[in-house]
C-alpha atoms as a PDB file:
ATOM      1  CA  UNK A   1      -0.032   0.194   0.061  1.00  0.00           C
ATOM      2  CA  UNK A   2       1.335   3.177  -0.869  1.00  0.00           C
ATOM      3  CA  UNK A   3       1.125   6.868   0.654  1.00  0.00           C
ATOM      4  CA  UNK A   4       2.180   9.924   0.006  1.00  0.00           C
ATOM      5  CA  UNK A   5      -0.147  12.552   1.470  1.00  0.00           C
ATOM      6  CA  UNK A   6       0.268  16.244   2.044  1.00  0.00           C
ATOM      7  CA  UNK A   7       0.052  18.006   4.595  1.00  0.00           C
ATOM      8  CA  UNK A   8       1.401  15.664   7.686  1.00  0.00           C
ATOM      9  CA  UNK A   9      -2.134  15.565   9.080  1.00  0.00           C
ATOM     10  CA  UNK A  10      -3.412  13.353   6.271  1.00  0.00           C
ATOM     11  CA  UNK A  11      -0.272  11.426   6.437  1.00  0.00           C
ATOM     12  CA  UNK A  12      -1.025  10.509  10.079  1.00  0.00           C
ATOM     13  CA  UNK A  13      -4.523   9.765   9.096  1.00  0.00           C
ATOM     14  CA  UNK A  14      -3.806   7.323   6.534  1.00  0.00           C
ATOM     15  CA  UNK A  15      -1.055   5.987   8.936  1.00  0.00           C
ATOM     16  CA  UNK A  16      -3.231   5.568  11.883  1.00  0.00           C
ATOM     17  CA  UNK A  17      -5.796   3.846   9.943  1.00  0.00           C
ATOM     18  CA  UNK A  18      -3.374   1.362   8.653  1.00  0.00           C
ATOM     19  CA  UNK A  19      -1.985   0.666  12.206  1.00  0.00           C
ATOM     20  CA  UNK A  20      -5.489  -0.562  13.205  1.00  0.00           C
ATOM     21  CA  UNK A  21      -5.285  -3.063  10.869  1.00  0.00           C
ATOM     22  CA  UNK A  22      -4.319  -6.568  12.111  1.00  0.00           C
ATOM     23  CA  UNK A  23      -2.660  -7.903   9.050  1.00  0.00           C
ATOM     24  CA  UNK A  24      -0.189  -5.445   8.857  1.00  0.00           C
ATOM     25  CA  UNK A  25       2.946  -6.811   9.973  1.00  0.00           C
ATOM     26  CA  UNK A  26       5.403  -4.537   9.179  1.00  0.00           C
ATOM     27  CA  UNK A  27       5.819  -1.180   7.560  1.00  0.00           C
ATOM     28  CA  UNK A  28       8.224  -0.368   4.675  1.00  0.00           C
ATOM     29  CA  UNK A  29       8.911   3.125   3.746  1.00  0.00           C
ATOM     30  CA  UNK A  30      10.470   3.425   0.375  1.00  0.00           C
ATOM     31  CA  UNK A  31      11.888   7.180  -0.166  1.00  0.00           C
ATOM     32  CA  UNK A  32      13.211   7.304  -3.960  1.00  0.00           C
ATOM     33  CA  UNK A  33      16.148   9.927  -4.871  1.00  0.00           C
ATOM     34  CA  UNK A  34      13.760  11.734  -6.783  1.00  0.00           C
ATOM     35  CA  UNK A  35      11.428  12.264  -3.848  1.00  0.00           C
ATOM     36  CA  UNK A  36      12.892  13.697  -1.032  1.00  0.00           C
ATOM     37  CA  UNK A  37      10.144  15.676   0.552  1.00  0.00           C
ATOM     38  CA  UNK A  38       8.815  12.859   2.927  1.00  0.00           C
ATOM     39  CA  UNK A  39      12.249  12.444   4.137  1.00  0.00           C
ATOM     40  CA  UNK A  40      11.951  15.146   6.889  1.00  0.00           C
ATOM     41  CA  UNK A  41       8.873  13.275   8.487  1.00  0.00           C
ATOM     42  CA  UNK A  42      10.509  10.006   8.314  1.00  0.00           C
ATOM     43  CA  UNK A  43      11.765  10.311  12.122  1.00  0.00           C
ATOM     44  CA  UNK A  44       8.391  11.086  13.362  1.00  0.00           C
ATOM     45  CA  UNK A  45       6.771   8.428  11.482  1.00  0.00           C
ATOM     46  CA  UNK A  46       9.149   5.865  12.793  1.00  0.00           C
ATOM     47  CA  UNK A  47       8.446   6.627  16.491  1.00  0.00           C
ATOM     48  CA  UNK A  48       5.181   6.478  15.697  1.00  0.00           C
ATOM     49  CA  UNK A  49       5.374   3.177  14.172  1.00  0.00           C
ATOM     50  CA  UNK A  50       7.775   2.013  17.045  1.00  0.00           C
ATOM     51  CA  UNK A  51       5.671   2.807  19.821  1.00  0.00           C
ATOM     52  CA  UNK A  52       3.072   0.042  18.352  1.00  0.00           C
ATOM     53  CA  UNK A  53       5.655  -2.508  18.129  1.00  0.00           C
ATOM     54  CA  UNK A  54       5.407  -3.157  14.557  1.00  0.00           C
ATOM     55  CA  UNK A  55       8.845  -3.590  12.866  1.00  0.00           C
ATOM     56  CA  UNK A  56       9.797  -1.068  10.236  1.00  0.00           C
ATOM     57  CA  UNK A  57      12.558  -0.512   7.507  1.00  0.00           C
ATOM     58  CA  UNK A  58      13.551   2.727   5.526  1.00  0.00           C
ATOM     59  CA  UNK A  59      14.734   2.397   2.026  1.00  0.00           C
ATOM     60  CA  UNK A  60      16.536   5.219   0.026  1.00  0.00           C
ATOM     61  CA  UNK A  61      18.269   3.303  -2.727  1.00  0.00           C
ATOM     62  CA  UNK A  62      17.083   3.891  -6.475  1.00  0.00           C
ATOM     63  CA  UNK A  63      15.040   0.914  -7.785  1.00  0.00           C
ATOM     64  CA  UNK A  64      15.838   2.221 -11.400  1.00  0.00           C
ATOM     65  CA  UNK A  65      19.605   1.536 -10.685  1.00  0.00           C
ATOM     66  CA  UNK A  66      20.539  -2.136 -10.382  1.00  0.00           C
ATOM     67  CA  UNK A  67      22.888  -1.753  -8.097  1.00  0.00           C
ATOM     68  CA  UNK A  68      20.181   0.210  -5.824  1.00  0.00           C
ATOM     69  CA  UNK A  69      17.674  -2.350  -6.971  1.00  0.00           C
ATOM     70  CA  UNK A  70      19.869  -5.015  -5.299  1.00  0.00           C
ATOM     71  CA  UNK A  71      20.681  -3.094  -2.363  1.00  0.00           C
ATOM     72  CA  UNK A  72      16.989  -2.863  -1.804  1.00  0.00           C
ATOM     73  CA  UNK A  73      16.318  -6.420  -2.047  1.00  0.00           C
ATOM     74  CA  UNK A  74      19.206  -7.279   0.351  1.00  0.00           C
ATOM     75  CA  UNK A  75      18.038  -4.918   2.871  1.00  0.00           C
ATOM     76  CA  UNK A  76      14.533  -6.426   2.812  1.00  0.00           C
ATOM     77  CA  UNK A  77      15.781 -10.146   2.575  1.00  0.00           C
ATOM     78  CA  UNK A  78      17.569  -8.932   6.056  1.00  0.00           C
ATOM     79  CA  UNK A  79      14.651  -7.515   7.855  1.00  0.00           C
ATOM     80  CA  UNK A  80      11.961 -10.086   6.741  1.00  0.00           C
ATOM     81  CA  UNK A  81      14.615 -12.625   8.037  1.00  0.00           C
ATOM     82  CA  UNK A  82      14.910 -10.921  11.074  1.00  0.00           C
ATOM     83  CA  UNK A  83      11.811  -9.979  11.826  1.00  0.00           C
ATOM     84  CA  UNK A  84       9.721 -13.045  10.173  1.00  0.00           C
ATOM     85  CA  UNK A  85       8.164 -14.452  13.509  1.00  0.00           C
ATOM     86  CA  UNK A  86       6.666 -11.099  14.324  1.00  0.00           C
ATOM     87  CA  UNK A  87       5.357 -10.240  11.052  1.00  0.00           C
ATOM     88  CA  UNK A  88       3.911 -13.508  10.201  1.00  0.00           C
ATOM     89  CA  UNK A  89       2.337 -13.604  13.937  1.00  0.00           C
ATOM     90  CA  UNK A  90       0.845  -9.968  13.103  1.00  0.00           C
ATOM     91  CA  UNK A  91       0.052 -10.919   9.413  1.00  0.00           C
ATOM     92  CA  UNK A  92      -1.680 -14.378  10.318  1.00  0.00           C
END
């Protein structure tokens, strides 16, 4: 599920709704190099998510670049492996 909303109150509304859903097992933030506007708000959003106990990851590599895409795949594999139990318990 994607979201890129302005103002911040719209992002909060969307995030609050998503965090209520039992099938959400983790949050993935992807901020491509071409769109850094959301980046300033990531610390606040991350803190909000971590307070719920959900794991989250922030990805900044360029998917259009093969090296960037491989970096994202590697980071996601590591993230999923280290949080697999929690993600599957919540997402079940």
